[in-house]
Amino acid sequence: MRDILNKIDGVVRHEIKKPDMVIINFDNERTSLEAIKAALKKGNFRVTGDSVFLN
């Protein structure tokens, strides 16, 4: 997962809290939540549940 997130332009930092919870800080002018989810799914990671945005 780290490799995938590190390759996405716009992902500033990420922290894997638990096997089923990841905190991702990203620049929404360079990438989107949809693009991040698509990259994770392509890498065979399940993306489930609701996303929470913090400003």
C-alpha atoms as a PDB file:
ATOM      1  CA  MET A   1       0.000   0.000   0.000  1.00  0.00           C
ATOM      2  CA  ARG A   2       2.822   2.411   0.849  1.00  0.00           C
ATOM      3  CA  ASP A   3       4.350   1.978  -2.603  1.00  0.00           C
ATOM      4  CA  ILE A   4       1.042   2.733  -4.304  1.00  0.00           C
ATOM      5  CA  LEU A   5       0.360   5.841  -2.219  1.00  0.00           C
ATOM      6  CA  ASN A   6       3.933   7.116  -2.644  1.00  0.00           C
ATOM      7  CA  LYS A   7       3.547   6.959  -6.433  1.00  0.00           C
ATOM      8  CA  ILE A   8       0.382   9.089  -6.543  1.00  0.00           C
ATOM      9  CA  ASP A   9       1.165  12.693  -7.426  1.00  0.00           C
ATOM     10  CA  GLY A  10      -0.539  14.867  -4.843  1.00  0.00           C
ATOM     11  CA  VAL A  11      -0.424  12.495  -1.870  1.00  0.00           C
ATOM     12  CA  VAL A  12       1.407  14.535   0.753  1.00  0.00           C
ATOM     13  CA  ARG A  13       1.595  11.941   3.516  1.00  0.00           C
ATOM     14  CA  HIS A  14      -0.155   8.834   4.720  1.00  0.00           C
ATOM     15  CA  GLU A  15      -0.353   6.862   7.926  1.00  0.00           C
ATOM     16  CA  ILE A  16      -1.590   3.300   8.224  1.00  0.00           C
ATOM     17  CA  LYS A  17      -3.401   3.224  11.567  1.00  0.00           C
ATOM     18  CA  LYS A  18      -4.841  -0.301  11.408  1.00  0.00           C
ATOM     19  CA  PRO A  19      -5.124  -2.889   8.663  1.00  0.00           C
ATOM     20  CA  ASP A  20      -8.489  -1.364   7.769  1.00  0.00           C
ATOM     21  CA  MET A  21      -7.828   2.357   8.399  1.00  0.00           C
ATOM     22  CA  VAL A  22      -5.489   4.709   6.558  1.00  0.00           C
ATOM     23  CA  ILE A  23      -5.149   8.465   6.979  1.00  0.00           C
ATOM     24  CA  ILE A  24      -4.163  10.146   3.716  1.00  0.00           C
ATOM     25  CA  ASN A  25      -3.313  13.825   3.357  1.00  0.00           C
ATOM     26  CA  PHE A  26      -3.485  14.924  -0.266  1.00  0.00           C
ATOM     27  CA  ASP A  27      -3.489  18.045  -2.406  1.00  0.00           C
ATOM     28  CA  ASN A  28      -6.930  18.104  -3.994  1.00  0.00           C
ATOM     29  CA  GLU A  29      -5.653  20.253  -6.851  1.00  0.00           C
ATOM     30  CA  ARG A  30      -3.275  17.478  -7.936  1.00  0.00           C
ATOM     31  CA  THR A  31      -5.300  14.331  -7.192  1.00  0.00           C
ATOM     32  CA  SER A  32      -8.708  13.248  -5.966  1.00  0.00           C
ATOM     33  CA  LEU A  33     -10.200  10.747  -3.590  1.00  0.00           C
ATOM     34  CA  GLU A  34     -11.546   8.838  -6.583  1.00  0.00           C
ATOM     35  CA  ALA A  35      -8.053   8.578  -8.108  1.00  0.00           C
ATOM     36  CA  ILE A  36      -6.591   7.345  -4.814  1.00  0.00           C
ATOM     37  CA  LYS A  37      -9.343   4.747  -4.408  1.00  0.00           C
ATOM     38  CA  ALA A  38      -8.883   3.577  -8.003  1.00  0.00           C
ATOM     39  CA  ALA A  39      -5.124   3.140  -7.511  1.00  0.00           C
ATOM     40  CA  LEU A  40      -5.650   1.145  -4.318  1.00  0.00           C
ATOM     41  CA  LYS A  41      -8.292  -1.066  -5.962  1.00  0.00           C
ATOM     42  CA  LYS A  42      -5.979  -1.645  -8.925  1.00  0.00           C
ATOM     43  CA  GLY A  43      -3.347  -2.789  -6.424  1.00  0.00           C
ATOM     44  CA  ASN A  44      -5.835  -5.347  -5.040  1.00  0.00           C
ATOM     45  CA  PHE A  45      -6.718  -3.451  -1.871  1.00  0.00           C
ATOM     46  CA  ARG A  46     -10.352  -3.385  -0.801  1.00  0.00           C
ATOM     47  CA  VAL A  47     -11.708   0.106  -0.310  1.00  0.00           C
ATOM     48  CA  THR A  48     -14.835   0.066   1.839  1.00  0.00           C
ATOM     49  CA  GLY A  49     -16.707   2.331   4.216  1.00  0.00           C
ATOM     50  CA  ASP A  50     -17.226   6.052   4.181  1.00  0.00           C
ATOM     51  CA  SER A  51     -14.449   8.553   3.648  1.00  0.00           C
ATOM     52  CA  VAL A  52     -14.109  11.450   6.063  1.00  0.00           C
ATOM     53  CA  PHE A  53     -12.707  14.797   4.967  1.00  0.00           C
ATOM     54  CA  LEU A  54     -11.030  17.144   7.419  1.00  0.00           C
ATOM     55  CA  ASN A  55     -10.018  20.699   6.606  1.00  0.00           C
END
